[in-house]
Amino acid sequence: MTNMDSNRFNSLYCILSENEKNRFKDITIKLLKVNFLLRLNNNDNYLFIINHKELLSLFFEYINFEFIIREDKELAYIKSNDDTLINRINKNETLCLLVLRLLYQEKLDIVSLSDQIEITIKELQDKLFSVGFDNQNNDRVKKSTLIEMLKTFKQHNIIYYNGDLSLDNTTIEIYPSIEVAMDFKQMNEVITRFEMLKGGEDSDD
């Protein structure tokens, strides 16, 4: 951050009320922990973000993150080129994220933009099984493996669920942040890598 940027940040921050400063702190901490913030989770936080774009952008620039707002998807997120979500999750989690992205796109093609994108645990299991996911038991993906991965994605505001994940009919909502967590370029890269893995060319986790 240049001196000019630093002065601009200070001037923008100083005019915030105490409540706004507390909200700024909460939002920045949340973004650093989970990557994504969506309007549907917290409308007040999202409106604060929209109204203080420059302040947040300057702050994250200072700590070497890119701050991005997707108003078309009503979400905000931070991005570091050397520490993306894809780089921090293992092979199985990456494949599960890919499958969630594919299911999201399938649902998006048949519902309106205002509708929630929802799938069931069984739909996810069936799709994972069809692509040869690891940790399978008979004709199903192991629930324990699936539950741990879904907990990770929920923590990052990629999905939401509020039911018993051991039940086939439990519903998972896939948030629009999945489009950012795995864009089409990343999808192509993961699909290529997955084909290599299926062919036995790479056995690393």
Protein backbone atom coordinates (compact mmCIF):
# COMPACT_ATOMS: atom_id res chain seq x y z
CA MET A 1 0.00 0.00 0.00
CA THR A 2 1.40 3.40 -0.98
CA ASN A 3 1.41 6.37 1.37
CA MET A 4 -1.45 7.83 -0.62
CA ASP A 5 -3.45 4.61 -0.23
CA SER A 6 -2.62 4.48 3.47
CA ASN A 7 -3.82 8.03 3.97
CA ARG A 8 -6.98 7.28 2.03
CA PHE A 9 -7.66 4.19 4.15
CA ASN A 10 -7.14 6.16 7.36
CA SER A 11 -9.45 8.93 6.25
CA LEU A 12 -12.20 6.45 5.28
CA TYR A 13 -11.80 4.45 8.47
CA CYS A 14 -11.80 7.46 10.77
CA ILE A 15 -15.21 8.63 9.62
CA LEU A 16 -16.82 5.33 10.58
CA SER A 17 -18.95 5.22 13.69
CA GLU A 18 -17.96 2.83 16.48
CA ASN A 19 -20.65 0.40 15.38
CA GLU A 20 -19.39 0.57 11.81
CA LYS A 21 -15.81 -0.03 12.96
CA ASN A 22 -16.98 -3.12 14.82
CA ARG A 23 -18.84 -4.32 11.74
CA PHE A 24 -15.74 -3.68 9.61
CA LYS A 25 -13.69 -5.80 12.02
CA ASP A 26 -16.26 -8.61 12.04
CA ILE A 27 -16.51 -8.65 8.23
CA THR A 28 -12.77 -8.68 7.61
CA ILE A 29 -12.23 -11.48 10.13
CA LYS A 30 -15.09 -13.47 8.63
CA LEU A 31 -13.73 -13.09 5.10
CA LEU A 32 -10.29 -14.24 6.19
CA LYS A 33 -11.82 -17.31 7.85
CA VAL A 34 -14.39 -18.40 5.26
CA ASN A 35 -13.50 -16.60 1.98
CA PHE A 36 -17.10 -15.86 0.97
CA LEU A 37 -19.86 -13.61 2.34
CA LEU A 38 -23.31 -13.72 0.77
CA ARG A 39 -26.24 -11.36 1.02
CA LEU A 40 -28.61 -14.22 1.75
CA ASN A 41 -26.60 -15.03 4.92
CA ASN A 42 -26.44 -11.49 6.27
CA ASN A 43 -28.07 -8.63 4.41
CA ASP A 44 -26.67 -5.95 6.75
CA ASN A 45 -23.09 -7.12 6.29
CA TYR A 46 -23.55 -7.24 2.53
CA LEU A 47 -24.95 -3.70 2.43
CA PHE A 48 -22.02 -2.50 4.54
CA ILE A 49 -19.66 -4.12 2.02
CA ILE A 50 -21.40 -2.43 -0.91
CA ASN A 51 -21.24 0.94 0.84
CA HIS A 52 -17.57 0.59 1.85
CA LYS A 53 -15.99 -1.09 -1.17
CA GLU A 54 -12.98 1.18 -1.28
CA LEU A 55 -12.20 0.83 2.42
CA LEU A 56 -12.31 -2.96 2.27
CA SER A 57 -10.34 -3.09 -0.97
CA LEU A 58 -7.55 -0.95 0.52
CA PHE A 59 -7.43 -3.05 3.67
CA PHE A 60 -7.14 -6.37 1.86
CA GLU A 61 -4.67 -4.96 -0.64
CA TYR A 62 -2.44 -4.09 2.30
CA ILE A 63 -2.39 -7.70 3.49
CA ASN A 64 -1.91 -9.03 -0.06
CA PHE A 65 -5.44 -10.16 -0.88
CA GLU A 66 -7.66 -9.13 -3.74
CA PHE A 67 -11.11 -8.05 -2.57
CA ILE A 68 -13.86 -8.83 -5.09
CA ILE A 69 -17.58 -8.11 -5.15
CA ARG A 70 -19.91 -10.01 -7.47
CA GLU A 71 -23.05 -7.92 -7.31
CA ASP A 72 -24.72 -10.15 -9.91
CA LYS A 73 -24.39 -13.04 -7.43
CA GLU A 74 -24.75 -10.84 -4.33
CA LEU A 75 -21.52 -12.06 -2.78
CA ALA A 76 -18.11 -10.76 -1.80
CA TYR A 77 -14.90 -12.71 -1.42
CA ILE A 78 -11.16 -12.42 -1.09
CA LYS A 79 -8.57 -14.08 -3.26
CA SER A 80 -4.87 -14.77 -2.88
CA ASN A 81 -3.10 -16.21 -5.92
CA ASP A 82 -0.86 -18.38 -3.77
CA ASP A 83 -3.54 -19.62 -1.35
CA THR A 84 -6.76 -20.45 -3.18
CA LEU A 85 -9.35 -22.79 -1.75
CA ILE A 86 -8.52 -25.36 -4.43
CA ASN A 87 -4.87 -25.38 -3.34
CA ARG A 88 -5.83 -25.96 0.29
CA ILE A 89 -8.12 -28.97 -0.08
CA ASN A 90 -7.23 -32.57 -0.84
CA LYS A 91 -8.01 -34.67 -3.91
CA ASN A 92 -11.32 -36.03 -2.63
CA GLU A 93 -12.51 -32.61 -1.51
CA THR A 94 -11.56 -31.15 -4.87
CA LEU A 95 -13.50 -33.85 -6.69
CA CYS A 96 -16.51 -33.35 -4.40
CA LEU A 97 -16.36 -29.61 -5.07
CA LEU A 98 -16.28 -30.34 -8.79
CA VAL A 99 -19.34 -32.60 -8.49
CA LEU A 100 -21.19 -29.95 -6.48
CA ARG A 101 -20.33 -27.44 -9.21
CA LEU A 102 -21.65 -29.75 -11.91
CA LEU A 103 -24.87 -30.43 -9.98
CA TYR A 104 -25.27 -26.70 -9.37
CA GLN A 105 -25.00 -26.02 -13.09
CA GLU A 106 -27.47 -28.77 -13.94
CA LYS A 107 -30.03 -27.30 -11.50
CA LEU A 108 -29.30 -23.75 -12.63
CA ASP A 109 -30.17 -24.70 -16.20
CA ILE A 110 -33.70 -25.71 -15.20
CA VAL A 111 -34.69 -23.22 -12.47
CA SER A 112 -35.01 -19.44 -12.36
CA LEU A 113 -32.16 -17.31 -11.05
CA SER A 114 -34.20 -16.41 -7.96
CA ASP A 115 -34.67 -20.05 -6.90
CA GLN A 116 -32.47 -21.79 -4.39
CA ILE A 117 -30.25 -24.49 -5.87
CA GLU A 118 -30.83 -27.60 -3.80
CA ILE A 119 -29.76 -31.23 -4.03
CA THR A 120 -30.21 -34.24 -1.77
CA ILE A 121 -27.51 -36.29 -0.12
CA LYS A 122 -28.51 -39.20 -2.37
CA GLU A 123 -28.09 -37.09 -5.52
CA LEU A 124 -24.61 -36.10 -4.38
CA GLN A 125 -23.67 -39.67 -3.44
CA ASP A 126 -24.92 -41.05 -6.74
CA LYS A 127 -22.96 -38.46 -8.71
CA LEU A 128 -19.78 -39.08 -6.70
CA PHE A 129 -20.15 -42.84 -7.16
CA SER A 130 -20.62 -42.43 -10.91
CA VAL A 131 -17.28 -40.65 -11.25
CA GLY A 132 -15.35 -43.22 -9.26
CA PHE A 133 -14.88 -41.29 -6.00
CA ASP A 134 -12.53 -42.80 -3.41
CA ASN A 135 -13.84 -44.13 -0.07
CA GLN A 136 -16.77 -46.04 -1.50
CA ASN A 137 -18.58 -48.84 0.29
CA ASN A 138 -20.52 -51.23 -1.95
CA ASP A 139 -22.54 -48.93 -4.21
CA ARG A 140 -22.39 -45.82 -2.00
CA VAL A 141 -19.87 -43.22 -0.96
CA LYS A 142 -19.04 -43.58 2.73
CA LYS A 143 -21.19 -41.17 4.73
CA SER A 144 -18.42 -40.38 7.22
CA THR A 145 -16.15 -39.18 4.40
CA LEU A 146 -18.94 -37.17 2.81
CA ILE A 147 -19.99 -35.51 6.06
CA GLU A 148 -16.48 -34.23 6.82
CA MET A 149 -16.13 -32.71 3.35
CA LEU A 150 -19.54 -31.05 3.52
CA LYS A 151 -18.65 -29.53 6.89
CA THR A 152 -15.62 -27.92 5.26
CA PHE A 153 -17.67 -26.48 2.41
CA LYS A 154 -20.32 -25.18 4.81
CA GLN A 155 -17.64 -23.39 6.83
CA HIS A 156 -16.55 -21.62 3.64
CA ASN A 157 -20.12 -20.52 2.76
CA ILE A 158 -20.21 -22.69 -0.35
CA ILE A 159 -23.14 -24.81 0.78
CA TYR A 160 -25.71 -24.85 3.58
CA TYR A 161 -27.59 -27.67 5.27
CA ASN A 162 -29.58 -27.98 8.46
CA GLY A 163 -30.45 -31.65 8.63
CA ASP A 164 -29.07 -35.10 9.34
CA LEU A 165 -26.42 -35.79 6.72
CA SER A 166 -26.77 -39.53 7.32
CA LEU A 167 -30.22 -39.44 5.68
CA ASP A 168 -30.56 -39.75 1.90
CA ASN A 169 -33.28 -37.10 1.63
CA THR A 170 -31.47 -34.38 3.57
CA THR A 171 -31.31 -31.25 1.43
CA ILE A 172 -28.14 -29.28 0.69
CA GLU A 173 -28.37 -25.76 -0.69
CA ILE A 174 -25.51 -24.88 -3.03
CA TYR A 175 -24.66 -21.19 -2.85
CA PRO A 176 -23.63 -19.05 -5.86
CA SER A 177 -20.16 -18.86 -4.30
CA ILE A 178 -19.54 -22.29 -5.88
CA GLU A 179 -19.14 -20.43 -9.19
CA VAL A 180 -16.22 -18.53 -7.72
CA ALA A 181 -14.79 -21.39 -5.65
CA MET A 182 -14.50 -23.42 -8.85
CA ASP A 183 -14.80 -21.51 -12.10
CA PHE A 184 -14.95 -23.16 -15.51
CA LYS A 185 -11.18 -22.92 -16.03
CA GLN A 186 -10.58 -24.72 -12.73
CA MET A 187 -13.26 -27.26 -13.60
CA ASN A 188 -11.45 -28.15 -16.81
CA GLU A 189 -8.16 -28.46 -14.93
CA VAL A 190 -9.71 -30.69 -12.27
CA ILE A 191 -11.49 -32.87 -14.82
CA THR A 192 -8.19 -33.34 -16.68
CA ARG A 193 -6.41 -34.23 -13.44
CA PHE A 194 -9.21 -36.57 -12.46
CA GLU A 195 -8.96 -38.42 -15.76
CA MET A 196 -5.25 -38.86 -15.07
CA LEU A 197 -6.02 -40.18 -11.59
CA LYS A 198 -8.53 -42.68 -12.94
CA GLY A 199 -5.89 -43.85 -15.37
CA GLY A 200 -3.44 -44.44 -12.53
CA GLU A 201 -1.00 -41.72 -13.56
CA ASP A 202 -1.11 -39.96 -10.21
CA SER A 203 -1.87 -41.56 -6.87
CA ASP A 204 -1.14 -38.62 -4.57
CA ASP A 205 -3.87 -37.50 -2.19
